[in-house]
Amino acid sequence: MGEEGMSVARALGFSGEELAALERIEELLRVRMKDARKRYRHSLGVAETACRLARAYEVDPFLATAAGLLHDWDKVLPDEELVSRAIRYHIEIAGSPALAAPLLHGPVAARELPELFGELPGSVFQAIARHTVGAPDMAPLDMVVFVADAIEPNRRGDYADALRAQVGEVSLTELFFACFTQGLVYVLQTGRYLYPTAIDIYNRYALARPDAGAGTR
């Protein structure tokens, strides 16, 4: 159950088999993150936000909620273990595996979760895999989870408020692009490692916009 006794799924109005499935996920998540309460609250917030985004943009809310709950399933693992599992599963890593370690919890979980939640379709695991670095061909569910991770209620800051203000006012693709762009700006401004695929993803969506054009002078 959630922090206040009622499951997120019930609070969001799910019923029947969907409610049962989501409450099972939530209970297993609570156990897995028993020593990571802040991460657990974040996951609940992402699930709630993903559901609301899905309803706003005509994406399946059940799948969005499930992916939101599970997106950080392997975030509790140390970086060394994530790298080890990624190599074992032959997950493609651009650049240095050690530098990519903080981004690997999504792809690693996407390989492992089908064993526990085989009733969920592959689209849920794809969204989980892509929530850290994105992809040049993001599906609507992928975008919903990616954005929800950035704007769930526990996120504070002007960047989150600016993105929240755009929900329902711009297309889902535009919302994702704005979210992805803000992530790039943060990485560059703080001098952090930029995952090698980020520029290609940015250019793919930037050039697809109606006002696309070269940005050099």
N, C-alpha and C. Protein backbone atom coordinates (compact mmCIF):
# COMPACT_ATOMS: atom_id res chain seq x y z
N MET A 1 0.82 -1.19 0.00
CA MET A 1 0.00 0.00 0.00
C MET A 1 0.87 1.25 0.00
N GLY A 2 0.27 2.36 -0.38
CA GLY A 2 0.99 3.62 -0.44
C GLY A 2 1.31 4.14 0.95
N GLU A 3 1.99 5.27 0.99
CA GLU A 3 2.45 5.83 2.25
C GLU A 3 1.29 6.15 3.20
N GLU A 4 0.10 6.40 2.68
CA GLU A 4 -1.02 6.79 3.55
C GLU A 4 -2.09 5.71 3.63
N GLY A 5 -1.76 4.48 3.26
CA GLY A 5 -2.67 3.37 3.44
C GLY A 5 -3.43 2.95 2.21
N MET A 6 -3.78 3.87 1.32
CA MET A 6 -4.49 3.53 0.10
C MET A 6 -3.51 3.37 -1.04
N SER A 7 -3.70 2.34 -1.84
CA SER A 7 -2.80 2.13 -2.96
C SER A 7 -2.97 3.26 -3.97
N VAL A 8 -1.91 3.54 -4.69
CA VAL A 8 -1.96 4.53 -5.75
C VAL A 8 -3.00 4.12 -6.79
N ALA A 9 -3.02 2.84 -7.12
CA ALA A 9 -3.94 2.35 -8.15
C ALA A 9 -5.39 2.59 -7.76
N ARG A 10 -5.72 2.34 -6.51
CA ARG A 10 -7.10 2.56 -6.05
C ARG A 10 -7.42 4.05 -6.05
N ALA A 11 -6.47 4.86 -5.62
CA ALA A 11 -6.68 6.31 -5.60
C ALA A 11 -6.90 6.86 -7.00
N LEU A 12 -6.30 6.21 -8.00
CA LEU A 12 -6.43 6.65 -9.39
C LEU A 12 -7.68 6.10 -10.06
N GLY A 13 -8.46 5.29 -9.34
CA GLY A 13 -9.73 4.84 -9.87
C GLY A 13 -9.71 3.52 -10.61
N PHE A 14 -8.62 2.76 -10.52
CA PHE A 14 -8.59 1.46 -11.18
C PHE A 14 -9.46 0.47 -10.41
N SER A 15 -9.93 -0.55 -11.12
CA SER A 15 -10.78 -1.56 -10.49
C SER A 15 -10.53 -2.91 -11.17
N GLY A 16 -11.11 -3.95 -10.61
CA GLY A 16 -11.05 -5.27 -11.21
C GLY A 16 -9.63 -5.82 -11.35
N GLU A 17 -9.38 -6.48 -12.46
CA GLU A 17 -8.09 -7.12 -12.69
C GLU A 17 -6.95 -6.11 -12.75
N GLU A 18 -7.21 -4.94 -13.30
CA GLU A 18 -6.16 -3.91 -13.36
C GLU A 18 -5.75 -3.47 -11.96
N LEU A 19 -6.73 -3.26 -11.10
CA LEU A 19 -6.44 -2.86 -9.73
C LEU A 19 -5.63 -3.94 -9.03
N ALA A 20 -6.04 -5.20 -9.18
CA ALA A 20 -5.34 -6.30 -8.52
C ALA A 20 -3.89 -6.38 -9.00
N ALA A 21 -3.69 -6.23 -10.30
CA ALA A 21 -2.34 -6.31 -10.86
C ALA A 21 -1.47 -5.18 -10.35
N LEU A 22 -2.00 -3.97 -10.32
CA LEU A 22 -1.22 -2.82 -9.88
C LEU A 22 -0.94 -2.87 -8.38
N GLU A 23 -1.89 -3.35 -7.60
CA GLU A 23 -1.65 -3.45 -6.16
C GLU A 23 -0.60 -4.52 -5.85
N ARG A 24 -0.57 -5.58 -6.65
CA ARG A 24 0.50 -6.58 -6.48
C ARG A 24 1.86 -5.96 -6.77
N ILE A 25 1.95 -5.19 -7.85
CA ILE A 25 3.20 -4.53 -8.19
C ILE A 25 3.63 -3.58 -7.06
N GLU A 26 2.66 -2.82 -6.58
CA GLU A 26 2.97 -1.84 -5.54
C GLU A 26 3.46 -2.51 -4.27
N GLU A 27 2.85 -3.63 -3.91
CA GLU A 27 3.26 -4.33 -2.69
C GLU A 27 4.68 -4.90 -2.84
N LEU A 28 4.98 -5.49 -3.99
CA LEU A 28 6.32 -6.02 -4.23
C LEU A 28 7.35 -4.89 -4.26
N LEU A 29 6.95 -3.76 -4.80
CA LEU A 29 7.84 -2.60 -4.83
C LEU A 29 8.12 -2.10 -3.42
N ARG A 30 7.10 -2.08 -2.59
CA ARG A 30 7.26 -1.63 -1.21
C ARG A 30 8.28 -2.50 -0.48
N VAL A 31 8.21 -3.80 -0.70
CA VAL A 31 9.16 -4.72 -0.07
C VAL A 31 10.56 -4.51 -0.62
N ARG A 32 10.66 -4.37 -1.93
CA ARG A 32 11.98 -4.21 -2.55
C ARG A 32 12.66 -2.93 -2.09
N MET A 33 11.88 -1.89 -1.87
CA MET A 33 12.45 -0.60 -1.50
C MET A 33 12.25 -0.27 -0.03
N LYS A 34 12.20 -1.30 0.79
CA LYS A 34 11.97 -1.08 2.23
C LYS A 34 13.07 -0.24 2.87
N ASP A 35 14.25 -0.28 2.30
CA ASP A 35 15.35 0.52 2.83
C ASP A 35 15.64 1.75 1.97
N ALA A 36 14.75 2.04 1.06
CA ALA A 36 14.91 3.20 0.17
C ALA A 36 13.57 3.91 0.08
N ARG A 37 13.12 4.47 1.18
CA ARG A 37 11.77 5.04 1.24
C ARG A 37 11.60 6.24 0.32
N LYS A 38 12.64 7.04 0.19
CA LYS A 38 12.54 8.19 -0.72
C LYS A 38 12.36 7.71 -2.15
N ARG A 39 13.07 6.66 -2.55
CA ARG A 39 12.93 6.10 -3.89
C ARG A 39 11.54 5.49 -4.07
N TYR A 40 11.01 4.88 -3.03
CA TYR A 40 9.67 4.31 -3.08
C TYR A 40 8.63 5.42 -3.29
N ARG A 41 8.74 6.50 -2.53
CA ARG A 41 7.79 7.61 -2.70
C ARG A 41 7.90 8.21 -4.11
N HIS A 42 9.13 8.31 -4.61
CA HIS A 42 9.34 8.79 -5.97
C HIS A 42 8.63 7.89 -6.97
N SER A 43 8.75 6.59 -6.80
CA SER A 43 8.12 5.65 -7.74
C SER A 43 6.61 5.77 -7.72
N LEU A 44 6.04 5.96 -6.54
CA LEU A 44 4.59 6.17 -6.45
C LEU A 44 4.20 7.46 -7.16
N GLY A 45 5.02 8.50 -6.97
CA GLY A 45 4.74 9.77 -7.63
C GLY A 45 4.83 9.66 -9.14
N VAL A 46 5.80 8.92 -9.64
CA VAL A 46 5.92 8.72 -11.09
C VAL A 46 4.73 7.94 -11.62
N ALA A 47 4.30 6.92 -10.89
CA ALA A 47 3.14 6.14 -11.32
C ALA A 47 1.90 7.02 -11.42
N GLU A 48 1.65 7.82 -10.40
CA GLU A 48 0.49 8.71 -10.41
C GLU A 48 0.56 9.71 -11.56
N THR A 49 1.73 10.30 -11.74
CA THR A 49 1.91 11.30 -12.80
C THR A 49 1.80 10.66 -14.17
N ALA A 50 2.38 9.48 -14.33
CA ALA A 50 2.30 8.77 -15.61
C ALA A 50 0.85 8.46 -15.97
N CYS A 51 0.07 8.08 -14.98
CA CYS A 51 -1.34 7.79 -15.23
C CYS A 51 -2.07 9.05 -15.70
N ARG A 52 -1.82 10.15 -15.04
CA ARG A 52 -2.50 11.40 -15.41
C ARG A 52 -2.05 11.89 -16.79
N LEU A 53 -0.77 11.74 -17.09
CA LEU A 53 -0.29 12.10 -18.42
C LEU A 53 -0.91 11.19 -19.48
N ALA A 54 -0.99 9.91 -19.17
CA ALA A 54 -1.57 8.96 -20.12
C ALA A 54 -3.02 9.32 -20.43
N ARG A 55 -3.77 9.68 -19.42
CA ARG A 55 -5.16 10.06 -19.64
C ARG A 55 -5.27 11.36 -20.42
N ALA A 56 -4.32 12.24 -20.23
CA ALA A 56 -4.34 13.52 -20.96
C ALA A 56 -3.98 13.34 -22.43
N TYR A 57 -3.13 12.33 -22.70
CA TYR A 57 -2.63 12.17 -24.07
C TYR A 57 -3.08 10.86 -24.73
N GLU A 58 -4.14 10.27 -24.19
CA GLU A 58 -4.77 9.09 -24.80
C GLU A 58 -3.79 7.92 -24.95
N VAL A 59 -3.03 7.69 -23.88
CA VAL A 59 -2.16 6.52 -23.76
C VAL A 59 -2.80 5.62 -22.71
N ASP A 60 -2.54 4.32 -22.79
CA ASP A 60 -3.16 3.37 -21.86
C ASP A 60 -2.73 3.70 -20.42
N PRO A 61 -3.65 4.12 -19.55
CA PRO A 61 -3.28 4.52 -18.19
C PRO A 61 -2.81 3.34 -17.33
N PHE A 62 -3.34 2.16 -17.56
CA PHE A 62 -2.89 1.00 -16.79
C PHE A 62 -1.42 0.70 -17.06
N LEU A 63 -1.05 0.68 -18.34
CA LEU A 63 0.34 0.41 -18.70
C LEU A 63 1.26 1.51 -18.19
N ALA A 64 0.80 2.75 -18.27
CA ALA A 64 1.60 3.87 -17.79
C ALA A 64 1.83 3.78 -16.28
N THR A 65 0.80 3.42 -15.54
CA THR A 65 0.92 3.30 -14.09
C THR A 65 1.86 2.15 -13.72
N ALA A 66 1.72 1.03 -14.40
CA ALA A 66 2.60 -0.11 -14.14
C ALA A 66 4.06 0.25 -14.42
N ALA A 67 4.30 0.89 -15.55
CA ALA A 67 5.67 1.28 -15.88
C ALA A 67 6.21 2.30 -14.89
N GLY A 68 5.35 3.23 -14.46
CA GLY A 68 5.78 4.22 -13.48
C GLY A 68 6.19 3.58 -12.16
N LEU A 69 5.41 2.61 -11.71
CA LEU A 69 5.74 1.92 -10.46
C LEU A 69 7.08 1.19 -10.57
N LEU A 70 7.33 0.59 -11.72
CA LEU A 70 8.47 -0.31 -11.87
C LEU A 70 9.72 0.35 -12.44
N HIS A 71 9.65 1.62 -12.84
CA HIS A 71 10.74 2.20 -13.62
C HIS A 71 12.07 2.21 -12.88
N ASP A 72 12.06 2.33 -11.55
CA ASP A 72 13.30 2.36 -10.77
C ASP A 72 13.52 1.07 -9.98
N TRP A 73 12.96 -0.01 -10.44
CA TRP A 73 13.04 -1.30 -9.73
C TRP A 73 14.48 -1.65 -9.36
N ASP A 74 15.39 -1.46 -10.29
CA ASP A 74 16.79 -1.83 -10.04
C ASP A 74 17.66 -0.66 -9.58
N LYS A 75 17.05 0.46 -9.28
CA LYS A 75 17.81 1.61 -8.79
C LYS A 75 18.43 1.31 -7.42
N VAL A 76 17.93 0.30 -6.73
CA VAL A 76 18.45 -0.06 -5.42
C VAL A 76 19.77 -0.82 -5.51
N LEU A 77 20.16 -1.24 -6.70
CA LEU A 77 21.40 -2.00 -6.87
C LEU A 77 22.60 -1.06 -6.97
N PRO A 78 23.75 -1.48 -6.46
CA PRO A 78 24.96 -0.65 -6.60
C PRO A 78 25.40 -0.58 -8.06
N ASP A 79 26.14 0.46 -8.39
CA ASP A 79 26.57 0.67 -9.77
C ASP A 79 27.36 -0.52 -10.32
N GLU A 80 28.22 -1.10 -9.49
CA GLU A 80 29.04 -2.21 -9.96
C GLU A 80 28.17 -3.40 -10.37
N GLU A 81 27.11 -3.64 -9.63
CA GLU A 81 26.21 -4.74 -9.95
C GLU A 81 25.43 -4.46 -11.22
N LEU A 82 25.02 -3.22 -11.42
CA LEU A 82 24.31 -2.85 -12.64
C LEU A 82 25.19 -3.05 -13.87
N VAL A 83 26.44 -2.63 -13.78
CA VAL A 83 27.36 -2.82 -14.90
C VAL A 83 27.55 -4.31 -15.17
N SER A 84 27.72 -5.08 -14.11
CA SER A 84 27.91 -6.53 -14.26
C SER A 84 26.72 -7.18 -14.94
N ARG A 85 25.53 -6.82 -14.51
CA ARG A 85 24.33 -7.41 -15.10
C ARG A 85 24.14 -6.95 -16.54
N ALA A 86 24.43 -5.70 -16.81
CA ALA A 86 24.30 -5.19 -18.18
C ALA A 86 25.21 -5.96 -19.13
N ILE A 87 26.42 -6.21 -18.69
CA ILE A 87 27.35 -6.97 -19.52
C ILE A 87 26.86 -8.40 -19.69
N ARG A 88 26.35 -9.00 -18.61
CA ARG A 88 25.85 -10.37 -18.66
C ARG A 88 24.67 -10.49 -19.63
N TYR A 89 23.81 -9.47 -19.67
CA TYR A 89 22.65 -9.51 -20.54
C TYR A 89 22.94 -8.99 -21.95
N HIS A 90 24.19 -8.64 -22.21
CA HIS A 90 24.61 -8.12 -23.52
C HIS A 90 23.83 -6.86 -23.90
N ILE A 91 23.60 -6.02 -22.91
CA ILE A 91 22.95 -4.74 -23.16
C ILE A 91 23.96 -3.80 -23.82
N GLU A 92 23.55 -3.19 -24.91
CA GLU A 92 24.45 -2.29 -25.61
C GLU A 92 24.67 -1.03 -24.79
N ILE A 93 25.93 -0.71 -24.56
CA ILE A 93 26.29 0.47 -23.79
C ILE A 93 27.16 1.36 -24.66
N ALA A 94 26.75 2.61 -24.81
CA ALA A 94 27.55 3.56 -25.58
C ALA A 94 28.60 4.17 -24.65
N GLY A 95 29.87 4.17 -25.08
CA GLY A 95 30.90 4.75 -24.25
C GLY A 95 31.30 3.84 -23.10
N SER A 96 31.75 4.47 -22.03
CA SER A 96 32.28 3.75 -20.88
C SER A 96 31.16 3.12 -20.03
N PRO A 97 31.21 1.80 -19.77
CA PRO A 97 30.20 1.18 -18.89
C PRO A 97 30.21 1.79 -17.49
N ALA A 98 31.38 2.10 -16.97
CA ALA A 98 31.46 2.68 -15.62
C ALA A 98 30.77 4.04 -15.56
N LEU A 99 30.98 4.87 -16.57
CA LEU A 99 30.35 6.19 -16.59
C LEU A 99 28.85 6.10 -16.84
N ALA A 100 28.45 5.03 -17.52
CA ALA A 100 27.02 4.84 -17.83
C ALA A 100 26.26 4.19 -16.70
N ALA A 101 26.95 3.74 -15.66
CA ALA A 101 26.32 2.95 -14.60
C ALA A 101 25.05 3.58 -14.02
N PRO A 102 25.01 4.90 -13.75
CA PRO A 102 23.78 5.47 -13.17
C PRO A 102 22.57 5.42 -14.10
N LEU A 103 22.81 5.09 -15.38
CA LEU A 103 21.73 5.06 -16.36
C LEU A 103 21.26 3.64 -16.67
N LEU A 104 21.94 2.64 -16.10
CA LEU A 104 21.70 1.25 -16.51
C LEU A 104 20.56 0.57 -15.77
N HIS A 105 20.03 1.20 -14.72
CA HIS A 105 18.97 0.52 -13.97
C HIS A 105 17.72 0.28 -14.81
N GLY A 106 17.48 1.17 -15.79
CA GLY A 106 16.32 0.97 -16.66
C GLY A 106 16.48 -0.21 -17.59
N PRO A 107 17.53 -0.25 -18.41
CA PRO A 107 17.72 -1.38 -19.32
C PRO A 107 17.88 -2.72 -18.59
N VAL A 108 18.57 -2.71 -17.44
CA VAL A 108 18.75 -3.97 -16.71
C VAL A 108 17.41 -4.47 -16.18
N ALA A 109 16.64 -3.58 -15.57
CA ALA A 109 15.32 -3.99 -15.06
C ALA A 109 14.42 -4.49 -16.17
N ALA A 110 14.52 -3.89 -17.34
CA ALA A 110 13.68 -4.30 -18.47
C ALA A 110 13.96 -5.74 -18.89
N ARG A 111 15.16 -6.22 -18.63
CA ARG A 111 15.50 -7.61 -18.94
C ARG A 111 15.02 -8.56 -17.85
N GLU A 112 14.94 -8.08 -16.62
CA GLU A 112 14.64 -8.96 -15.49
C GLU A 112 13.16 -9.00 -15.12
N LEU A 113 12.48 -7.89 -15.29
CA LEU A 113 11.10 -7.78 -14.82
C LEU A 113 10.10 -8.72 -15.51
N PRO A 114 10.28 -9.07 -16.80
CA PRO A 114 9.32 -10.00 -17.40
C PRO A 114 9.18 -11.32 -16.66
N GLU A 115 10.21 -11.75 -15.93
CA GLU A 115 10.10 -12.99 -15.17
C GLU A 115 9.14 -12.85 -14.00
N LEU A 116 9.08 -11.67 -13.42
CA LEU A 116 8.18 -11.43 -12.29
C LEU A 116 6.79 -10.97 -12.72
N PHE A 117 6.75 -10.24 -13.84
CA PHE A 117 5.49 -9.64 -14.28
C PHE A 117 5.22 -9.99 -15.74
N GLY A 118 5.17 -11.28 -15.99
CA GLY A 118 4.98 -11.77 -17.36
C GLY A 118 3.64 -11.40 -17.97
N GLU A 119 2.71 -10.96 -17.14
CA GLU A 119 1.39 -10.56 -17.65
C GLU A 119 1.43 -9.21 -18.35
N LEU A 120 2.49 -8.46 -18.12
CA LEU A 120 2.60 -7.13 -18.73
C LEU A 120 3.19 -7.23 -20.14
N PRO A 121 2.75 -6.39 -21.06
CA PRO A 121 3.28 -6.44 -22.43
C PRO A 121 4.67 -5.83 -22.52
N GLY A 122 5.34 -6.12 -23.62
CA GLY A 122 6.69 -5.62 -23.83
C GLY A 122 6.81 -4.12 -23.84
N SER A 123 5.73 -3.42 -24.17
CA SER A 123 5.78 -1.96 -24.22
C SER A 123 6.09 -1.36 -22.86
N VAL A 124 5.66 -2.02 -21.79
CA VAL A 124 5.95 -1.54 -20.43
C VAL A 124 7.45 -1.63 -20.16
N PHE A 125 8.05 -2.74 -20.53
CA PHE A 125 9.48 -2.93 -20.26
C PHE A 125 10.32 -2.04 -21.17
N GLN A 126 9.84 -1.77 -22.37
CA GLN A 126 10.55 -0.83 -23.24
C GLN A 126 10.56 0.56 -22.61
N ALA A 127 9.42 0.99 -22.09
CA ALA A 127 9.35 2.31 -21.45
C ALA A 127 10.29 2.39 -20.26
N ILE A 128 10.38 1.31 -19.50
CA ILE A 128 11.30 1.27 -18.36
C ILE A 128 12.74 1.36 -18.85
N ALA A 129 13.06 0.63 -19.91
CA ALA A 129 14.42 0.64 -20.44
C ALA A 129 14.82 2.02 -20.93
N ARG A 130 13.86 2.78 -21.45
CA ARG A 130 14.18 4.05 -22.09
C ARG A 130 14.02 5.26 -21.20
N HIS A 131 13.63 5.08 -19.96
CA HIS A 131 13.33 6.26 -19.13
C HIS A 131 14.57 7.02 -18.68
N THR A 132 15.76 6.43 -18.84
CA THR A 132 16.98 7.12 -18.39
C THR A 132 17.62 7.95 -19.49
N VAL A 133 17.75 7.38 -20.69
CA VAL A 133 18.47 8.11 -21.75
C VAL A 133 17.63 8.39 -22.98
N GLY A 134 16.40 7.87 -23.02
CA GLY A 134 15.55 8.10 -24.17
C GLY A 134 15.97 7.25 -25.36
N ALA A 135 15.39 7.56 -26.52
CA ALA A 135 15.68 6.84 -27.75
C ALA A 135 15.22 7.71 -28.91
N PRO A 136 15.75 7.49 -30.12
CA PRO A 136 15.34 8.31 -31.26
C PRO A 136 13.94 7.97 -31.78
N ASP A 137 13.36 6.89 -31.28
CA ASP A 137 12.03 6.47 -31.75
C ASP A 137 11.11 6.18 -30.56
N MET A 138 10.98 7.15 -29.70
CA MET A 138 10.17 6.99 -28.49
C MET A 138 8.70 6.76 -28.83
N ALA A 139 8.13 5.71 -28.23
CA ALA A 139 6.70 5.47 -28.33
C ALA A 139 5.97 6.38 -27.34
N PRO A 140 4.67 6.60 -27.53
CA PRO A 140 3.94 7.46 -26.59
C PRO A 140 4.09 7.02 -25.13
N LEU A 141 4.04 5.72 -24.86
CA LEU A 141 4.21 5.25 -23.49
C LEU A 141 5.60 5.57 -22.97
N ASP A 142 6.61 5.43 -23.82
CA ASP A 142 7.98 5.79 -23.43
C ASP A 142 8.04 7.25 -23.00
N MET A 143 7.43 8.12 -23.79
CA MET A 143 7.45 9.55 -23.49
C MET A 143 6.74 9.86 -22.18
N VAL A 144 5.62 9.22 -21.96
CA VAL A 144 4.85 9.45 -20.74
C VAL A 144 5.69 9.13 -19.51
N VAL A 145 6.36 8.00 -19.51
CA VAL A 145 7.16 7.60 -18.34
C VAL A 145 8.38 8.51 -18.19
N PHE A 146 9.01 8.85 -19.30
CA PHE A 146 10.17 9.74 -19.27
C PHE A 146 9.81 11.08 -18.64
N VAL A 147 8.71 11.66 -19.09
CA VAL A 147 8.29 12.97 -18.56
C VAL A 147 7.83 12.85 -17.11
N ALA A 148 7.07 11.80 -16.81
CA ALA A 148 6.57 11.62 -15.45
C ALA A 148 7.71 11.53 -14.45
N ASP A 149 8.80 10.92 -14.85
CA ASP A 149 9.97 10.81 -13.97
C ASP A 149 10.51 12.19 -13.61
N ALA A 150 10.35 13.15 -14.51
CA ALA A 150 10.90 14.49 -14.30
C ALA A 150 9.96 15.42 -13.56
N ILE A 151 8.65 15.16 -13.62
CA ILE A 151 7.71 16.14 -13.07
C ILE A 151 6.82 15.60 -11.96
N GLU A 152 7.12 14.40 -11.46
CA GLU A 152 6.27 13.87 -10.38
C GLU A 152 6.32 14.82 -9.18
N PRO A 153 5.32 14.75 -8.30
CA PRO A 153 5.15 15.78 -7.27
C PRO A 153 6.35 16.01 -6.36
N ASN A 154 7.21 15.01 -6.19
CA ASN A 154 8.36 15.18 -5.31
C ASN A 154 9.51 15.94 -5.96
N ARG A 155 9.40 16.18 -7.27
CA ARG A 155 10.42 16.97 -7.96
C ARG A 155 10.17 18.45 -7.68
N ARG A 156 11.20 19.14 -7.29
CA ARG A 156 11.08 20.56 -7.00
C ARG A 156 11.97 21.35 -7.96
N GLY A 157 11.56 22.54 -8.29
CA GLY A 157 12.39 23.39 -9.13
C GLY A 157 11.62 24.01 -10.27
N ASP A 158 12.17 25.08 -10.80
CA ASP A 158 11.52 25.80 -11.89
C ASP A 158 11.35 24.93 -13.13
N TYR A 159 12.33 24.03 -13.38
CA TYR A 159 12.26 23.20 -14.57
C TYR A 159 11.03 22.30 -14.53
N ALA A 160 10.74 21.73 -13.36
CA ALA A 160 9.58 20.86 -13.22
C ALA A 160 8.29 21.65 -13.36
N ASP A 161 8.25 22.83 -12.76
CA ASP A 161 7.05 23.66 -12.86
C ASP A 161 6.78 24.07 -14.30
N ALA A 162 7.85 24.40 -15.03
CA ALA A 162 7.70 24.81 -16.42
C ALA A 162 7.14 23.67 -17.27
N LEU A 163 7.60 22.46 -17.01
CA LEU A 163 7.09 21.31 -17.76
C LEU A 163 5.65 21.00 -17.37
N ARG A 164 5.34 21.08 -16.10
CA ARG A 164 3.96 20.82 -15.66
C ARG A 164 2.98 21.78 -16.33
N ALA A 165 3.41 23.01 -16.51
CA ALA A 165 2.54 24.02 -17.12
C ALA A 165 2.23 23.70 -18.58
N GLN A 166 3.06 22.88 -19.21
CA GLN A 166 2.86 22.55 -20.62
C GLN A 166 1.95 21.34 -20.84
N VAL A 167 1.69 20.58 -19.78
CA VAL A 167 0.86 19.38 -19.92
C VAL A 167 -0.52 19.76 -20.43
N GLY A 168 -0.93 19.15 -21.51
CA GLY A 168 -2.22 19.43 -22.11
C GLY A 168 -2.23 20.65 -23.02
N GLU A 169 -1.17 21.45 -22.96
CA GLU A 169 -1.09 22.65 -23.79
C GLU A 169 -0.28 22.40 -25.06
N VAL A 170 0.62 21.42 -25.01
CA VAL A 170 1.43 21.06 -26.18
C VAL A 170 1.27 19.56 -26.42
N SER A 171 1.72 19.11 -27.57
CA SER A 171 1.64 17.69 -27.88
C SER A 171 2.56 16.89 -26.97
N LEU A 172 2.34 15.59 -26.89
CA LEU A 172 3.19 14.74 -26.06
C LEU A 172 4.62 14.76 -26.58
N THR A 173 4.79 14.79 -27.89
CA THR A 173 6.14 14.83 -28.46
C THR A 173 6.85 16.12 -28.08
N GLU A 174 6.13 17.24 -28.14
CA GLU A 174 6.73 18.51 -27.75
C GLU A 174 7.07 18.53 -26.26
N LEU A 175 6.21 17.92 -25.45
CA LEU A 175 6.47 17.86 -24.02
C LEU A 175 7.71 17.02 -23.74
N PHE A 176 7.83 15.89 -24.43
CA PHE A 176 9.02 15.06 -24.27
C PHE A 176 10.27 15.82 -24.70
N PHE A 177 10.18 16.51 -25.83
CA PHE A 177 11.35 17.24 -26.34
C PHE A 177 11.78 18.31 -25.35
N ALA A 178 10.82 19.02 -24.77
CA ALA A 178 11.14 20.04 -23.78
C ALA A 178 11.80 19.42 -22.56
N CYS A 179 11.29 18.27 -22.14
CA CYS A 179 11.84 17.58 -20.98
C CYS A 179 13.26 17.09 -21.27
N PHE A 180 13.44 16.48 -22.43
CA PHE A 180 14.75 15.97 -22.82
C PHE A 180 15.76 17.11 -22.93
N THR A 181 15.32 18.21 -23.51
CA THR A 181 16.20 19.37 -23.68
C THR A 181 16.63 19.94 -22.34
N GLN A 182 15.70 20.03 -21.41
CA GLN A 182 16.05 20.54 -20.08
C GLN A 182 17.06 19.63 -19.39
N GLY A 183 16.92 18.32 -19.62
CA GLY A 183 17.89 17.39 -19.07
C GLY A 183 19.28 17.61 -19.64
N LEU A 184 19.36 17.84 -20.95
CA LEU A 184 20.64 18.13 -21.58
C LEU A 184 21.26 19.41 -21.01
N VAL A 185 20.45 20.44 -20.87
CA VAL A 185 20.95 21.71 -20.34
C VAL A 185 21.52 21.51 -18.94
N TYR A 186 20.82 20.74 -18.11
CA TYR A 186 21.29 20.49 -16.75
C TYR A 186 22.65 19.77 -16.77
N VAL A 187 22.76 18.76 -17.61
CA VAL A 187 24.02 18.01 -17.69
C VAL A 187 25.16 18.91 -18.12
N LEU A 188 24.91 19.74 -19.12
CA LEU A 188 25.96 20.63 -19.62
C LEU A 188 26.33 21.71 -18.61
N GLN A 189 25.34 22.29 -17.97
CA GLN A 189 25.60 23.37 -17.02
C GLN A 189 26.34 22.88 -15.78
N THR A 190 26.13 21.63 -15.42
CA THR A 190 26.79 21.08 -14.22
C THR A 190 28.06 20.32 -14.55
N GLY A 191 28.42 20.27 -15.83
CA GLY A 191 29.65 19.61 -16.22
C GLY A 191 29.65 18.12 -16.02
N ARG A 192 28.49 17.51 -16.13
CA ARG A 192 28.39 16.06 -15.93
C ARG A 192 28.65 15.31 -17.23
N TYR A 193 28.80 14.01 -17.10
CA TYR A 193 29.02 13.14 -18.26
C TYR A 193 27.76 13.11 -19.12
N LEU A 194 27.93 13.36 -20.42
CA LEU A 194 26.82 13.33 -21.37
C LEU A 194 26.84 12.00 -22.09
N TYR A 195 25.79 11.23 -21.94
CA TYR A 195 25.74 9.92 -22.59
C TYR A 195 25.82 10.11 -24.11
N PRO A 196 26.64 9.32 -24.79
CA PRO A 196 26.95 9.57 -26.20
C PRO A 196 25.76 9.63 -27.15
N THR A 197 24.66 8.97 -26.83
CA THR A 197 23.52 8.98 -27.75
C THR A 197 22.66 10.22 -27.63
N ALA A 198 22.91 11.05 -26.64
CA ALA A 198 22.01 12.17 -26.33
C ALA A 198 21.89 13.16 -27.49
N ILE A 199 23.00 13.47 -28.14
CA ILE A 199 22.96 14.46 -29.21
C ILE A 199 22.15 13.95 -30.40
N ASP A 200 22.32 12.68 -30.74
CA ASP A 200 21.55 12.10 -31.85
C ASP A 200 20.05 12.14 -31.55
N ILE A 201 19.68 11.82 -30.31
CA ILE A 201 18.27 11.85 -29.93
C ILE A 201 17.73 13.28 -30.00
N TYR A 202 18.51 14.20 -29.46
CA TYR A 202 18.10 15.60 -29.51
C TYR A 202 17.88 16.05 -30.96
N ASN A 203 18.84 15.78 -31.83
CA ASN A 203 18.72 16.21 -33.22
C ASN A 203 17.55 15.56 -33.93
N ARG A 204 17.27 14.31 -33.60
CA ARG A 204 16.14 13.62 -34.22
C ARG A 204 14.84 14.36 -33.95
N TYR A 205 14.63 14.79 -32.72
CA TYR A 205 13.38 15.47 -32.38
C TYR A 205 13.42 16.95 -32.73
N ALA A 206 14.58 17.56 -32.64
CA ALA A 206 14.69 18.97 -33.01
C ALA A 206 14.39 19.17 -34.48
N LEU A 207 14.92 18.29 -35.32
CA LEU A 207 14.73 18.42 -36.76
C LEU A 207 13.33 18.05 -37.22
N ALA A 208 12.58 17.36 -36.37
CA ALA A 208 11.21 16.99 -36.72
C ALA A 208 10.21 18.09 -36.39
N ARG A 209 10.67 19.13 -35.70
CA ARG A 209 9.77 20.22 -35.34
C ARG A 209 9.48 21.10 -36.54
N PRO A 210 8.32 21.74 -36.58
CA PRO A 210 7.95 22.57 -37.75
C PRO A 210 8.93 23.68 -38.05
N ASP A 211 9.54 24.25 -37.01
CA ASP A 211 10.46 25.37 -37.21
C ASP A 211 11.91 24.93 -37.18
N ALA A 212 12.16 23.64 -37.49
CA ALA A 212 13.51 23.11 -37.43
C ALA A 212 14.42 23.83 -38.42
N GLY A 213 15.67 23.94 -38.03
CA GLY A 213 16.66 24.54 -38.89
C GLY A 213 18.02 24.50 -38.25
N ALA A 214 19.04 24.85 -38.99
CA ALA A 214 20.39 24.82 -38.44
C ALA A 214 20.53 25.88 -37.36
N GLY A 215 21.25 25.52 -36.30
CA GLY A 215 21.40 26.45 -35.19
C GLY A 215 22.73 27.14 -35.15
N THR A 216 23.56 26.90 -36.16
CA THR A 216 24.87 27.54 -36.17
C THR A 216 24.80 28.88 -36.89
N ARG A 217 25.77 29.73 -36.58
CA ARG A 217 25.83 31.05 -37.21
C ARG A 217 27.11 31.17 -38.02
